[in-house]
Each structure stands twice: as structure tokens, then as C-alpha cells.
PDB file of N, CA and C in Angstrom:
ATOM      1  N   MET A   1      -7.812   5.599  10.693  1.00  0.00           N
ATOM      2  CA  MET A   1      -7.552   5.885   9.242  1.00  0.00           C
ATOM      3  C   MET A   1      -6.571   4.888   8.666  1.00  0.00           C
ATOM      4  N   LEU A   2      -6.727   4.997   7.106  1.00  0.00           N
ATOM      5  CA  LEU A   2      -6.492   3.946   6.643  1.00  0.00           C
ATOM      6  C   LEU A   2      -4.867   5.124   5.674  1.00  0.00           C
ATOM      7  N   TYR A   3      -4.410   3.712   5.543  1.00  0.00           N
ATOM      8  CA  TYR A   3      -2.781   3.993   4.716  1.00  0.00           C
ATOM      9  C   TYR A   3      -2.522   3.378   3.224  1.00  0.00           C
ATOM     10  N   ASP A   4      -1.568   3.730   2.652  1.00  0.00           N
ATOM     11  CA  ASP A   4      -0.868   3.035   1.337  1.00  0.00           C
ATOM     12  C   ASP A   4      -0.626   2.028   1.853  1.00  0.00           C
ATOM     13  N   CYS A   5      -0.892   0.381   1.046  1.00  0.00           N
ATOM     14  CA  CYS A   5       0.128  -0.940   1.715  1.00  0.00           C
ATOM     15  C   CYS A   5       1.356  -0.349   0.789  1.00  0.00           C
ATOM     16  N   PRO A   6       2.581  -0.687   1.971  1.00  0.00           N
ATOM     17  CA  PRO A   6       3.683  -0.407   1.116  1.00  0.00           C
ATOM     18  C   PRO A   6       4.386  -1.654   0.068  1.00  0.00           C
ATOM     19  N   GLU A   7       3.630  -2.598  -0.233  1.00  0.00           N
ATOM     20  CA  GLU A   7       3.813  -3.446  -1.330  1.00  0.00           C
ATOM     21  C   GLU A   7       2.669  -3.352  -2.350  1.00  0.00           C
ATOM     22  N   CYS A   8       1.751  -3.268  -2.529  1.00  0.00           N
ATOM     23  CA  CYS A   8       0.598  -3.361  -3.716  1.00  0.00           C
ATOM     24  C   CYS A   8      -0.305  -1.652  -3.946  1.00  0.00           C
ATOM     25  N   GLY A   9      -0.042  -0.929  -2.530  1.00  0.00           N
ATOM     26  CA  GLY A   9      -0.536   0.430  -3.167  1.00  0.00           C
ATOM     27  C   GLY A   9      -2.417   0.259  -2.371  1.00  0.00           C
ATOM     28  N   LEU A  10      -2.948  -1.002  -2.113  1.00  0.00           N
ATOM     29  CA  LEU A  10      -4.311  -0.800  -1.427  1.00  0.00           C
ATOM     30  C   LEU A  10      -4.603  -0.580  -0.182  1.00  0.00           C
ATOM     31  N   PRO A  11      -5.599  -0.386   0.066  1.00  0.00           N
ATOM     32  CA  PRO A  11      -6.114   0.497   1.480  1.00  0.00           C
ATOM     33  C   PRO A  11      -5.282  -0.631   2.589  1.00  0.00           C
ATOM     34  N   ALA A  12      -4.824   0.203   3.545  1.00  0.00           N
ATOM     35  CA  ALA A  12      -4.108  -0.816   4.761  1.00  0.00           C
ATOM     36  C   ALA A  12      -4.576   0.159   6.128  1.00  0.00           C
ATOM     37  N   GLU A  13      -4.931  -0.973   6.922  1.00  0.00           N
ATOM     38  CA  GLU A  13      -4.505  -0.374   8.688  1.00  0.00           C
ATOM     39  C   GLU A  13      -4.058  -0.632   9.521  1.00  0.00           C
ATOM     40  N   VAL A  14      -3.330   0.166  10.437  1.00  0.00           N
ATOM     41  CA  VAL A  14      -2.690  -0.049  11.196  1.00  0.00           C
ATOM     42  C   VAL A  14      -3.460  -0.751  12.138  1.00  0.00           C
ATOM     43  N   THR A  15      -2.264  -2.252  12.512  1.00  0.00           N
ATOM     44  CA  THR A  15      -3.247  -3.097  14.101  1.00  0.00           C
ATOM     45  C   THR A  15      -2.742  -3.214  14.868  1.00  0.00           C
ATOM     46  N   VAL A  16      -1.159  -2.897  14.862  1.00  0.00           N
ATOM     47  CA  VAL A  16      -0.482  -2.576  15.946  1.00  0.00           C
ATOM     48  C   VAL A  16       0.505  -1.349  16.122  1.00  0.00           C
ATOM     49  N   ARG A  17       0.626  -0.757  16.998  1.00  0.00           N
ATOM     50  CA  ARG A  17       1.810   0.500  17.314  1.00  0.00           C
ATOM     51  C   ARG A  17       2.522   0.699  18.649  1.00  0.00           C
ATOM     52  N   ASP A  18       4.241   0.695  18.169  1.00  0.00           N
ATOM     53  CA  ASP A  18       4.795   0.208  19.360  1.00  0.00           C
ATOM     54  C   ASP A  18       5.886   1.306  19.456  1.00  0.00           C
ATOM     55  N   ARG A  19       6.834   1.273  20.377  1.00  0.00           N
ATOM     56  CA  ARG A  19       7.956   2.555  20.375  1.00  0.00           C
ATOM     57  C   ARG A  19       8.821   1.449  20.283  1.00  0.00           C
ATOM     58  N   LEU A  20      10.381   1.162  19.247  1.00  0.00           N
ATOM     59  CA  LEU A  20      11.002  -0.202  20.199  1.00  0.00           C
ATOM     60  C   LEU A  20      12.326   1.144  19.797  1.00  0.00           C
ATOM     61  N   PRO A  21      13.497   0.646  21.046  1.00  0.00           N
ATOM     62  CA  PRO A  21      14.349   1.530  20.921  1.00  0.00           C
ATOM     63  C   PRO A  21      15.256   1.127  19.453  1.00  0.00           C
ATOM     64  N   SER A  22      16.213   2.574  19.223  1.00  0.00           N
ATOM     65  CA  SER A  22      17.124   2.608  18.132  1.00  0.00           C
ATOM     66  C   SER A  22      18.427   2.792  18.699  1.00  0.00           C
ATOM     67  N   THR A  23      18.932   3.441  17.517  1.00  0.00           N
ATOM     68  CA  THR A  23      20.869   4.350  18.113  1.00  0.00           C
ATOM     69  C   THR A  23      20.244   5.658  18.430  1.00  0.00           C
ATOM     70  N   ALA A  24      18.836   5.874  17.633  1.00  0.00           N
ATOM     71  CA  ALA A  24      18.638   7.031  17.925  1.00  0.00           C
ATOM     72  C   ALA A  24      17.899   7.951  18.416  1.00  0.00           C
ATOM     73  N   GLY A  25      17.451   6.902  19.680  1.00  0.00           N
ATOM     74  CA  GLY A  25      16.238   6.595  20.573  1.00  0.00           C
ATOM     75  C   GLY A  25      14.926   5.734  20.024  1.00  0.00           C
ATOM     76  N   LEU A  26      13.981   5.973  20.729  1.00  0.00           N
ATOM     77  CA  LEU A  26      12.934   5.281  20.519  1.00  0.00           C
ATOM     78  C   LEU A  26      12.105   5.846  18.952  1.00  0.00           C
ATOM     79  N   VAL A  27      12.184   4.854  18.102  1.00  0.00           N
ATOM     80  CA  VAL A  27      11.306   4.921  16.806  1.00  0.00           C
ATOM     81  C   VAL A  27       9.741   3.787  17.062  1.00  0.00           C
ATOM     82  N   GLU A  28       8.525   5.287  16.651  1.00  0.00           N
ATOM     83  CA  GLU A  28       7.547   4.755  16.444  1.00  0.00           C
ATOM     84  C   GLU A  28       7.713   3.457  15.519  1.00  0.00           C
ATOM     85  N   HIS A  29       6.801   2.139  15.389  1.00  0.00           N
ATOM     86  CA  HIS A  29       6.708   0.946  14.685  1.00  0.00           C
ATOM     87  C   HIS A  29       5.316   0.654  14.856  1.00  0.00           C
ATOM     88  N   VAL A  30       5.560   0.104  13.145  1.00  0.00           N
ATOM     89  CA  VAL A  30       3.449  -0.108  12.881  1.00  0.00           C
ATOM     90  C   VAL A  30       3.513  -1.441  12.664  1.00  0.00           C
ATOM     91  N   ASP A  31       2.441  -2.181  12.726  1.00  0.00           N
ATOM     92  CA  ASP A  31       2.174  -3.125  11.744  1.00  0.00           C
ATOM     93  C   ASP A  31       1.344  -3.325  11.182  1.00  0.00           C
ATOM     94  N   VAL A  32       1.068  -3.274   9.998  1.00  0.00           N
ATOM     95  CA  VAL A  32      -0.168  -2.692   9.021  1.00  0.00           C
ATOM     96  C   VAL A  32      -0.288  -3.962   8.189  1.00  0.00           C
ATOM     97  N   HIS A  33      -1.635  -4.353   7.965  1.00  0.00           N
ATOM     98  CA  HIS A  33      -2.343  -5.280   7.041  1.00  0.00           C
ATOM     99  C   HIS A  33      -3.320  -4.857   6.357  1.00  0.00           C
ATOM    100  N   CYS A  34      -3.016  -4.828   4.680  1.00  0.00           N
ATOM    101  CA  CYS A  34      -3.876  -4.695   3.410  1.00  0.00           C
ATOM    102  C   CYS A  34      -5.225  -5.461   3.195  1.00  0.00           C
ATOM    103  N   VAL A  35      -6.215  -4.770   2.353  1.00  0.00           N
ATOM    104  CA  VAL A  35      -7.084  -6.062   1.938  1.00  0.00           C
ATOM    105  C   VAL A  35      -6.620  -7.132   1.223  1.00  0.00           C
ATOM    106  N   ALA A  36      -5.369  -7.076   0.660  1.00  0.00           N
ATOM    107  CA  ALA A  36      -4.354  -8.319  -0.234  1.00  0.00           C
ATOM    108  C   ALA A  36      -4.076  -9.513   1.075  1.00  0.00           C
ATOM    109  N   GLN A  37      -4.068  -8.875   1.913  1.00  0.00           N
ATOM    110  CA  GLN A  37      -3.907  -9.771   3.145  1.00  0.00           C
ATOM    111  C   GLN A  37      -2.496  -9.482   3.105  1.00  0.00           C
ATOM    112  N   HIS A  38      -1.684  -8.551   2.821  1.00  0.00           N
ATOM    113  CA  HIS A  38      -0.072  -7.858   2.874  1.00  0.00           C
ATOM    114  C   HIS A  38       0.083  -7.423   4.245  1.00  0.00           C
ATOM    115  N   ARG A  39       1.646  -8.165   4.756  1.00  0.00           N
ATOM    116  CA  ARG A  39       1.759  -7.464   6.413  1.00  0.00           C
ATOM    117  C   ARG A  39       3.168  -6.674   5.971  1.00  0.00           C
ATOM    118  N   PHE A  40       3.160  -5.779   6.427  1.00  0.00           N
ATOM    119  CA  PHE A  40       4.283  -4.716   7.007  1.00  0.00           C
ATOM    120  C   PHE A  40       4.101  -4.623   8.215  1.00  0.00           C
ATOM    121  N   VAL A  41       5.766  -4.607   8.614  1.00  0.00           N
ATOM    122  CA  VAL A  41       5.889  -4.208  10.051  1.00  0.00           C
ATOM    123  C   VAL A  41       7.515  -3.360   9.619  1.00  0.00           C
ATOM    124  N   GLY A  42       7.014  -2.123  10.117  1.00  0.00           N
ATOM    125  CA  GLY A  42       8.521  -1.330  10.382  1.00  0.00           C
ATOM    126  C   GLY A  42       8.221   0.654  10.617  1.00  0.00           C
ATOM    127  N   PRO A  43       9.182   1.067  10.477  1.00  0.00           N
ATOM    128  CA  PRO A  43       8.820   2.615  10.954  1.00  0.00           C
ATOM    129  C   PRO A  43       7.523   3.179  10.691  1.00  0.00           C
ATOM    130  N   ALA A  44       6.535   3.965  11.309  1.00  0.00           N
ATOM    131  CA  ALA A  44       5.485   4.583  11.109  1.00  0.00           C
ATOM    132  C   ALA A  44       5.996   5.655  10.371  1.00  0.00           C
ATOM    133  N   ASP A  45       7.059   6.814  10.383  1.00  0.00           N
ATOM    134  CA  ASP A  45       7.229   7.752   9.260  1.00  0.00           C
ATOM    135  C   ASP A  45       7.231   6.890   7.833  1.00  0.00           C
ATOM    136  N   SER A  46       7.310   5.855   7.706  1.00  0.00           N
ATOM    137  CA  SER A  46       7.497   5.707   6.159  1.00  0.00           C
ATOM    138  C   SER A  46       6.383   4.692   5.671  1.00  0.00           C
ATOM    139  N   LEU A  47       5.096   5.238   6.349  1.00  0.00           N
ATOM    140  CA  LEU A  47       3.514   5.363   5.864  1.00  0.00           C
ATOM    141  C   LEU A  47       2.943   5.913   4.878  1.00  0.00           C
ATOM    142  N   ARG A  48       2.318   6.066   3.886  1.00  0.00           N
ATOM    143  CA  ARG A  48       1.902   7.138   3.249  1.00  0.00           C
ATOM    144  C   ARG A  48       0.258   6.887   3.327  1.00  0.00           C
ATOM    145  N   VAL A  49      -0.147   8.316   3.981  1.00  0.00           N
ATOM    146  CA  VAL A  49      -2.083   8.145   4.407  1.00  0.00           C
ATOM    147  C   VAL A  49      -2.530   8.026   2.980  1.00  0.00           C
ATOM    148  N   LEU A  50      -3.511   7.287   3.426  1.00  0.00           N
ATOM    149  CA  LEU A  50      -4.188   7.119   2.011  1.00  0.00           C
ATOM    150  C   LEU A  50      -5.459   8.370   1.989  1.00  0.00           C
ATOM    151  N   LEU A  51      -5.583   8.741   0.988  1.00  0.00           N
ATOM    152  CA  LEU A  51      -6.571   9.997   1.014  1.00  0.00           C
ATOM    153  C   LEU A  51      -7.923  10.143   0.018  1.00  0.00           C
TER     154      LEU A  51
END
């Protein structure tokens, strides 16, 4: 599945998924790389699916 890069909006793919602890329990985090070589690490629910 492809996502919009949070920095430039180009197609990006998730390379790593992990669950990290938070004060609200476990939160799924992802490592995303886009075609322009940007890298984003953050909560999975902050990504937009590329349509």
C-alpha cells in the first residue's frame, strides 16, 4: 500500500511497523520512505493513503 509522504506528498511506502508504549497504551508507529528519499518516523494514524 502506498501513502502520501508527510513532507512532500509524493508516493511513499512503509518499511517498518512497530508498536511503541505511550501513556495511553501501545501506539503503532511506522518508518516511511518516499521516492524523493524523505524519511518519516511517527504514528501510523498520521499517514494518508495514496488514492
